[in-house]
Amino acid sequence: WDLDSRDGGVSILPPYETQTGGAWYAGTADAI
């Protein structure tokens, strides 16, 4: 999609765990 520029591009953002734990996205706002 021509979205692989050095100053930008696509980033895949799955749920992740931190020191305080982690969880799946609970809703659209929580995902952001």
PDB file of all heavy atoms in Angstrom:
ATOM      1  N   TRP A   1       0.827  -1.209   0.000  1.00  0.00           N
ATOM      2  CA  TRP A   1       0.000   0.000   0.000  1.00  0.00           C
ATOM      3  C   TRP A   1       0.863   1.262   0.000  1.00  0.00           C
ATOM      4  O   TRP A   1       0.346   2.355   0.276  1.00  0.00           O
ATOM      5  CB  TRP A   1      -0.922  -0.016   1.224  1.00  0.00           C
ATOM      6  CG  TRP A   1      -1.758  -1.260   1.263  1.00  0.00           C
ATOM      7  CD1 TRP A   1      -2.994  -1.452   0.708  1.00  0.00           C
ATOM      8  CD2 TRP A   1      -1.387  -2.513   1.863  1.00  0.00           C
ATOM      9  NE1 TRP A   1      -3.414  -2.735   0.926  1.00  0.00           N
ATOM     10  CE2 TRP A   1      -2.450  -3.416   1.626  1.00  0.00           C
ATOM     11  CE3 TRP A   1      -0.277  -2.962   2.563  1.00  0.00           C
ATOM     12  CZ2 TRP A   1      -2.420  -4.739   2.075  1.00  0.00           C
ATOM     13  CZ3 TRP A   1      -0.234  -4.273   3.006  1.00  0.00           C
ATOM     14  CH2 TRP A   1      -1.305  -5.150   2.773  1.00  0.00           C
ATOM     15  N   ASP A   2       2.161   1.102  -0.281  1.00  0.00           N
ATOM     16  CA  ASP A   2       3.107   2.215  -0.265  1.00  0.00           C
ATOM     17  C   ASP A   2       3.142   2.878   1.109  1.00  0.00           C
ATOM     18  O   ASP A   2       3.226   4.103   1.234  1.00  0.00           O
ATOM     19  CB  ASP A   2       2.749   3.234  -1.357  1.00  0.00           C
ATOM     20  CG  ASP A   2       3.911   4.191  -1.656  1.00  0.00           C
ATOM     21  OD1 ASP A   2       5.073   3.794  -1.421  1.00  0.00           O
ATOM     22  OD2 ASP A   2       3.649   5.321  -2.102  1.00  0.00           O
ATOM     23  N   LEU A   3       3.067   2.053   2.155  1.00  0.00           N
ATOM     24  CA  LEU A   3       3.078   2.551   3.525  1.00  0.00           C
ATOM     25  C   LEU A   3       4.289   2.015   4.286  1.00  0.00           C
ATOM     26  O   LEU A   3       4.204   1.655   5.456  1.00  0.00           O
ATOM     27  CB  LEU A   3       1.788   2.131   4.249  1.00  0.00           C
ATOM     28  CG  LEU A   3       0.491   2.797   3.762  1.00  0.00           C
ATOM     29  CD1 LEU A   3      -0.725   2.156   4.420  1.00  0.00           C
ATOM     30  CD2 LEU A   3       0.510   4.303   4.044  1.00  0.00           C
ATOM     31  N   ASP A   4       5.415   1.958   3.597  1.00  0.00           N
ATOM     32  CA  ASP A   4       6.633   1.451   4.235  1.00  0.00           C
ATOM     33  C   ASP A   4       7.729   2.507   4.263  1.00  0.00           C
ATOM     34  O   ASP A   4       8.918   2.192   4.169  1.00  0.00           O
ATOM     35  CB  ASP A   4       7.132   0.194   3.519  1.00  0.00           C
ATOM     36  CG  ASP A   4       7.429   0.434   2.043  1.00  0.00           C
ATOM     37  OD1 ASP A   4       6.927   1.427   1.480  1.00  0.00           O
ATOM     38  OD2 ASP A   4       8.164  -0.382   1.455  1.00  0.00           O
ATOM     39  N   SER A   5       7.327   3.769   4.405  1.00  0.00           N
ATOM     40  CA  SER A   5       8.306   4.846   4.388  1.00  0.00           C
ATOM     41  C   SER A   5       9.165   4.816   5.646  1.00  0.00           C
ATOM     42  O   SER A   5       8.752   4.322   6.708  1.00  0.00           O
ATOM     43  CB  SER A   5       7.604   6.202   4.276  1.00  0.00           C
ATOM     44  OG  SER A   5       6.816   6.452   5.416  1.00  0.00           O
ATOM     45  N   ARG A   6      10.350   5.385   5.557  1.00  0.00           N
ATOM     46  CA  ARG A   6      11.261   5.429   6.701  1.00  0.00           C
ATOM     47  C   ARG A   6      10.706   6.315   7.804  1.00  0.00           C
ATOM     48  O   ARG A   6      10.836   6.019   8.993  1.00  0.00           O
ATOM     49  CB  ARG A   6      12.633   5.940   6.239  1.00  0.00           C
ATOM     50  CG  ARG A   6      13.653   6.042   7.364  1.00  0.00           C
ATOM     51  CD  ARG A   6      15.004   6.481   6.815  1.00  0.00           C
ATOM     52  NE  ARG A   6      15.528   5.528   5.842  1.00  0.00           N
ATOM     53  CZ  ARG A   6      16.668   5.692   5.174  1.00  0.00           C
ATOM     54  NH1 ARG A   6      17.395   6.786   5.376  1.00  0.00           N
ATOM     55  NH2 ARG A   6      17.074   4.792   4.303  1.00  0.00           N
ATOM     56  N   ASP A   7      10.076   7.409   7.422  1.00  0.00           N
ATOM     57  CA  ASP A   7       9.539   8.353   8.393  1.00  0.00           C
ATOM     58  C   ASP A   7       8.034   8.127   8.555  1.00  0.00           C
ATOM     59  O   ASP A   7       7.205   8.979   8.269  1.00  0.00           O
ATOM     60  CB  ASP A   7       9.807   9.790   7.947  1.00  0.00           C
ATOM     61  CG  ASP A   7       9.392  10.815   8.995  1.00  0.00           C
ATOM     62  OD1 ASP A   7       9.347  10.451  10.182  1.00  0.00           O
ATOM     63  OD2 ASP A   7       9.087  11.960   8.614  1.00  0.00           O
ATOM     64  N   GLY A   8       7.655   6.928   8.982  1.00  0.00           N
ATOM     65  CA  GLY A   8       6.245   6.598   9.123  1.00  0.00           C
ATOM     66  C   GLY A   8       6.047   5.104   8.943  1.00  0.00           C
ATOM     67  O   GLY A   8       6.739   4.286   9.539  1.00  0.00           O
ATOM     68  N   GLY A   9       5.092   4.739   8.089  1.00  0.00           N
ATOM     69  CA  GLY A   9       4.857   3.339   7.771  1.00  0.00           C
ATOM     70  C   GLY A   9       3.790   2.700   8.634  1.00  0.00           C
ATOM     71  O   GLY A   9       3.121   3.346   9.447  1.00  0.00           O
ATOM     72  N   VAL A  10       3.636   1.387   8.457  1.00  0.00           N
ATOM     73  CA  VAL A  10       2.657   0.598   9.195  1.00  0.00           C
ATOM     74  C   VAL A  10       3.321  -0.042  10.404  1.00  0.00           C
ATOM     75  O   VAL A  10       4.423  -0.571  10.309  1.00  0.00           O
ATOM     76  CB  VAL A  10       2.042  -0.499   8.295  1.00  0.00           C
ATOM     77  CG1 VAL A  10       1.287  -1.528   9.124  1.00  0.00           C
ATOM     78  CG2 VAL A  10       1.102   0.120   7.274  1.00  0.00           C
ATOM     79  N   SER A  11       2.621   0.000  11.535  1.00  0.00           N
ATOM     80  CA  SER A  11       3.070  -0.692  12.744  1.00  0.00           C
ATOM     81  C   SER A  11       1.952  -1.616  13.212  1.00  0.00           C
ATOM     82  O   SER A  11       0.799  -1.179  13.351  1.00  0.00           O
ATOM     83  CB  SER A  11       3.404   0.303  13.855  1.00  0.00           C
ATOM     84  OG  SER A  11       4.479   1.145  13.488  1.00  0.00           O
ATOM     85  N   ILE A  12       2.267  -2.903  13.428  1.00  0.00           N
ATOM     86  CA  ILE A  12       1.302  -3.857  13.961  1.00  0.00           C
ATOM     87  C   ILE A  12       1.285  -3.718  15.478  1.00  0.00           C
ATOM     88  O   ILE A  12       2.324  -3.792  16.132  1.00  0.00           O
ATOM     89  CB  ILE A  12       1.673  -5.298  13.562  1.00  0.00           C
ATOM     90  CG1 ILE A  12       1.757  -5.426  12.029  1.00  0.00           C
ATOM     91  CG2 ILE A  12       0.665  -6.276  14.140  1.00  0.00           C
ATOM     92  CD1 ILE A  12       0.452  -5.238  11.312  1.00  0.00           C
ATOM     93  N   LEU A  13       0.088  -3.537  16.054  1.00  0.00           N
ATOM     94  CA  LEU A  13      -0.039  -3.250  17.479  1.00  0.00           C
ATOM     95  C   LEU A  13      -0.991  -4.247  18.148  1.00  0.00           C
ATOM     96  O   LEU A  13      -2.166  -3.958  18.371  1.00  0.00           O
ATOM     97  CB  LEU A  13      -0.551  -1.819  17.684  1.00  0.00           C
ATOM     98  CG  LEU A  13       0.284  -0.695  17.050  1.00  0.00           C
ATOM     99  CD1 LEU A  13      -0.428   0.641  17.178  1.00  0.00           C
ATOM    100  CD2 LEU A  13       1.670  -0.628  17.696  1.00  0.00           C
ATOM    101  N   PRO A  14      -0.508  -5.438  18.498  1.00  0.00           N
ATOM    102  CA  PRO A  14      -1.335  -6.391  19.244  1.00  0.00           C
ATOM    103  C   PRO A  14      -1.340  -6.054  20.726  1.00  0.00           C
ATOM    104  O   PRO A  14      -0.512  -5.254  21.188  1.00  0.00           O
ATOM    105  CB  PRO A  14      -0.626  -7.722  18.985  1.00  0.00           C
ATOM    106  CG  PRO A  14       0.812  -7.330  18.837  1.00  0.00           C
ATOM    107  CD  PRO A  14       0.820  -5.969  18.190  1.00  0.00           C
ATOM    108  N   PRO A  15      -2.240  -6.645  21.515  1.00  0.00           N
ATOM    109  CA  PRO A  15      -2.176  -6.453  22.968  1.00  0.00           C
ATOM    110  C   PRO A  15      -0.838  -6.947  23.508  1.00  0.00           C
ATOM    111  O   PRO A  15      -0.231  -7.857  22.945  1.00  0.00           O
ATOM    112  CB  PRO A  15      -3.341  -7.309  23.497  1.00  0.00           C
ATOM    113  CG  PRO A  15      -4.226  -7.524  22.329  1.00  0.00           C
ATOM    114  CD  PRO A  15      -3.350  -7.529  21.120  1.00  0.00           C
ATOM    115  N   TYR A  16      -0.399  -6.352  24.600  1.00  0.00           N
ATOM    116  CA  TYR A  16       0.907  -6.739  25.144  1.00  0.00           C
ATOM    117  C   TYR A  16       0.849  -6.712  26.666  1.00  0.00           C
ATOM    118  O   TYR A  16      -0.062  -6.141  27.278  1.00  0.00           O
ATOM    119  CB  TYR A  16       2.002  -5.796  24.639  1.00  0.00           C
ATOM    120  CG  TYR A  16       1.769  -4.336  24.979  1.00  0.00           C
ATOM    121  CD1 TYR A  16       2.258  -3.794  26.163  1.00  0.00           C
ATOM    122  CD2 TYR A  16       1.045  -3.514  24.112  1.00  0.00           C
ATOM    123  CE1 TYR A  16       2.044  -2.465  26.487  1.00  0.00           C
ATOM    124  CE2 TYR A  16       0.824  -2.181  24.426  1.00  0.00           C
ATOM    125  CZ  TYR A  16       1.320  -1.665  25.617  1.00  0.00           C
ATOM    126  OH  TYR A  16       1.091  -0.348  25.928  1.00  0.00           O
ATOM    127  N   GLU A  17       1.829  -7.322  27.281  1.00  0.00           N
ATOM    128  CA  GLU A  17       1.882  -7.391  28.737  1.00  0.00           C
ATOM    129  C   GLU A  17       2.931  -6.417  29.266  1.00  0.00           C
ATOM    130  O   GLU A  17       3.994  -6.242  28.669  1.00  0.00           O
ATOM    131  CB  GLU A  17       2.227  -8.815  29.180  1.00  0.00           C
ATOM    132  CG  GLU A  17       2.086  -9.036  30.679  1.00  0.00           C
ATOM    133  CD  GLU A  17       2.140 -10.506  31.062  1.00  0.00           C
ATOM    134  OE1 GLU A  17       2.171 -11.351  30.142  1.00  0.00           O
ATOM    135  OE2 GLU A  17       2.144 -10.802  32.262  1.00  0.00           O
ATOM    136  N   THR A  18       2.613  -5.789  30.392  1.00  0.00           N
ATOM    137  CA  THR A  18       3.541  -4.876  31.059  1.00  0.00           C
ATOM    138  C   THR A  18       3.872  -5.429  32.444  1.00  0.00           C
ATOM    139  O   THR A  18       3.423  -6.510  32.822  1.00  0.00           O
ATOM    140  CB  THR A  18       2.917  -3.472  31.202  1.00  0.00           C
ATOM    141  OG1 THR A  18       1.809  -3.549  32.100  1.00  0.00           O
ATOM    142  CG2 THR A  18       2.441  -2.944  29.858  1.00  0.00           C
ATOM    143  N   GLN A  19       4.618  -4.678  33.218  1.00  0.00           N
ATOM    144  CA  GLN A  19       4.972  -5.106  34.572  1.00  0.00           C
ATOM    145  C   GLN A  19       3.760  -5.250  35.471  1.00  0.00           C
ATOM    146  O   GLN A  19       3.766  -6.012  36.434  1.00  0.00           O
ATOM    147  CB  GLN A  19       5.959  -4.112  35.190  1.00  0.00           C
ATOM    148  CG  GLN A  19       7.350  -4.140  34.555  1.00  0.00           C
ATOM    149  CD  GLN A  19       8.274  -3.130  35.190  1.00  0.00           C
ATOM    150  OE1 GLN A  19       7.836  -2.095  35.675  1.00  0.00           O
ATOM    151  NE2 GLN A  19       9.569  -3.424  35.194  1.00  0.00           N
ATOM    152  N   THR A  20       2.705  -4.518  35.156  1.00  0.00           N
ATOM    153  CA  THR A  20       1.481  -4.589  35.963  1.00  0.00           C
ATOM    154  C   THR A  20       0.470  -5.568  35.392  1.00  0.00           C
ATOM    155  O   THR A  20      -0.659  -5.653  35.853  1.00  0.00           O
ATOM    156  CB  THR A  20       0.832  -3.203  36.066  1.00  0.00           C
ATOM    157  OG1 THR A  20       0.551  -2.697  34.751  1.00  0.00           O
ATOM    158  CG2 THR A  20       1.752  -2.241  36.802  1.00  0.00           C
ATOM    159  N   GLY A  21       0.859  -6.311  34.358  1.00  0.00           N
ATOM    160  CA  GLY A  21      -0.036  -7.290  33.757  1.00  0.00           C
ATOM    161  C   GLY A  21      -0.408  -6.908  32.339  1.00  0.00           C
ATOM    162  O   GLY A  21       0.152  -5.979  31.755  1.00  0.00           O
ATOM    163  N   GLY A  22      -1.350  -7.637  31.800  1.00  0.00           N
ATOM    164  CA  GLY A  22      -1.790  -7.372  30.440  1.00  0.00           C
ATOM    165  C   GLY A  22      -3.158  -7.975  30.212  1.00  0.00           C
ATOM    166  O   GLY A  22      -3.617  -8.830  30.969  1.00  0.00           O
ATOM    167  N   ALA A  23      -3.832  -7.509  29.191  1.00  0.00           N
ATOM    168  CA  ALA A  23      -5.174  -8.008  28.890  1.00  0.00           C
ATOM    169  C   ALA A  23      -5.492  -7.727  27.433  1.00  0.00           C
ATOM    170  O   ALA A  23      -4.900  -6.849  26.806  1.00  0.00           O
ATOM    171  CB  ALA A  23      -6.212  -7.326  29.786  1.00  0.00           C
ATOM    172  N   TRP A  24      -6.441  -8.486  26.909  1.00  0.00           N
ATOM    173  CA  TRP A  24      -6.926  -8.208  25.566  1.00  0.00           C
ATOM    174  C   TRP A  24      -7.616  -6.856  25.563  1.00  0.00           C
ATOM    175  O   TRP A  24      -8.047  -6.350  26.607  1.00  0.00           O
ATOM    176  CB  TRP A  24      -7.909  -9.304  25.138  1.00  0.00           C
ATOM    177  CG  TRP A  24      -7.250 -10.549  24.673  1.00  0.00           C
ATOM    178  CD1 TRP A  24      -6.151 -11.152  25.202  1.00  0.00           C
ATOM    179  CD2 TRP A  24      -7.650 -11.345  23.558  1.00  0.00           C
ATOM    180  NE1 TRP A  24      -5.831 -12.278  24.500  1.00  0.00           N
ATOM    181  CE2 TRP A  24      -6.737 -12.426  23.479  1.00  0.00           C
ATOM    182  CE3 TRP A  24      -8.670 -11.270  22.624  1.00  0.00           C
ATOM    183  CZ2 TRP A  24      -6.822 -13.409  22.503  1.00  0.00           C
ATOM    184  CZ3 TRP A  24      -8.771 -12.252  21.650  1.00  0.00           C
ATOM    185  CH2 TRP A  24      -7.850 -13.297  21.594  1.00  0.00           C
ATOM    186  N   TYR A  25      -7.720  -6.263  24.381  1.00  0.00           N
ATOM    187  CA  TYR A  25      -8.437  -5.003  24.252  1.00  0.00           C
ATOM    188  C   TYR A  25      -9.883  -5.205  24.703  1.00  0.00           C
ATOM    189  O   TYR A  25     -10.602  -6.068  24.184  1.00  0.00           O
ATOM    190  CB  TYR A  25      -8.410  -4.521  22.810  1.00  0.00           C
ATOM    191  CG  TYR A  25      -7.017  -4.232  22.281  1.00  0.00           C
ATOM    192  CD1 TYR A  25      -6.686  -4.516  20.958  1.00  0.00           C
ATOM    193  CD2 TYR A  25      -6.041  -3.657  23.083  1.00  0.00           C
ATOM    194  CE1 TYR A  25      -5.428  -4.239  20.448  1.00  0.00           C
ATOM    195  CE2 TYR A  25      -4.776  -3.376  22.590  1.00  0.00           C
ATOM    196  CZ  TYR A  25      -4.473  -3.677  21.273  1.00  0.00           C
ATOM    197  OH  TYR A  25      -3.216  -3.402  20.780  1.00  0.00           O
ATOM    198  N   ALA A  26     -10.327  -4.399  25.665  1.00  0.00           N
ATOM    199  CA  ALA A  26     -11.663  -4.556  26.218  1.00  0.00           C
ATOM    200  C   ALA A  26     -12.740  -3.893  25.363  1.00  0.00           C
ATOM    201  O   ALA A  26     -13.915  -4.215  25.481  1.00  0.00           O
ATOM    202  CB  ALA A  26     -11.700  -3.972  27.630  1.00  0.00           C
ATOM    203  N   GLY A  27     -12.360  -2.971  24.508  1.00  0.00           N
ATOM    204  CA  GLY A  27     -13.298  -2.261  23.652  1.00  0.00           C
ATOM    205  C   GLY A  27     -12.523  -1.382  22.699  1.00  0.00           C
ATOM    206  O   GLY A  27     -11.289  -1.311  22.753  1.00  0.00           O
ATOM    207  N   THR A  28     -13.237  -0.689  21.825  1.00  0.00           N
ATOM    208  CA  THR A  28     -12.553   0.132  20.820  1.00  0.00           C
ATOM    209  C   THR A  28     -11.722   1.236  21.459  1.00  0.00           C
ATOM    210  O   THR A  28     -10.597   1.511  21.031  1.00  0.00           O
ATOM    211  CB  THR A  28     -13.571   0.745  19.850  1.00  0.00           C
ATOM    212  OG1 THR A  28     -14.582   1.457  20.600  1.00  0.00           O
ATOM    213  CG2 THR A  28     -14.253  -0.331  19.012  1.00  0.00           C
ATOM    214  N   ALA A  29     -12.255   1.862  22.501  1.00  0.00           N
ATOM    215  CA  ALA A  29     -11.503   2.930  23.164  1.00  0.00           C
ATOM    216  C   ALA A  29     -10.304   2.367  23.925  1.00  0.00           C
ATOM    217  O   ALA A  29      -9.212   2.949  23.918  1.00  0.00           O
ATOM    218  CB  ALA A  29     -12.419   3.717  24.104  1.00  0.00           C
ATOM    219  N   ASP A  30     -10.497   1.221  24.570  1.00  0.00           N
ATOM    220  CA  ASP A  30      -9.395   0.606  25.318  1.00  0.00           C
ATOM    221  C   ASP A  30      -8.251   0.223  24.386  1.00  0.00           C
ATOM    222  O   ASP A  30      -7.072   0.314  24.763  1.00  0.00           O
ATOM    223  CB  ASP A  30      -9.900  -0.626  26.064  1.00  0.00           C
ATOM    224  CG  ASP A  30      -8.798  -1.308  26.859  1.00  0.00           C
ATOM    225  OD1 ASP A  30      -8.223  -0.656  27.746  1.00  0.00           O
ATOM    226  OD2 ASP A  30      -8.502  -2.481  26.576  1.00  0.00           O
ATOM    227  N   ALA A  31      -8.580  -0.209  23.178  1.00  0.00           N
ATOM    228  CA  ALA A  31      -7.524  -0.556  22.218  1.00  0.00           C
ATOM    229  C   ALA A  31      -6.621   0.636  21.932  1.00  0.00           C
ATOM    230  O   ALA A  31      -5.388   0.501  21.850  1.00  0.00           O
ATOM    231  CB  ALA A  31      -8.152  -1.064  20.917  1.00  0.00           C
ATOM    232  N   ILE A  32      -7.219   1.814  21.810  1.00  0.00           N
ATOM    233  CA  ILE A  32      -6.418   3.021  21.582  1.00  0.00           C
ATOM    234  C   ILE A  32      -5.680   3.411  22.854  1.00  0.00           C
ATOM    235  O   ILE A  32      -4.490   3.802  22.812  1.00  0.00           O
ATOM    236  CB  ILE A  32      -7.307   4.180  21.094  1.00  0.00           C
ATOM    237  CG1 ILE A  32      -8.090   3.772  19.831  1.00  0.00           C
ATOM    238  CG2 ILE A  32      -6.447   5.415  20.801  1.00  0.00           C
ATOM    239  CD1 ILE A  32      -7.235   3.385  18.654  1.00  0.00           C
TER     240      ILE A  32
END
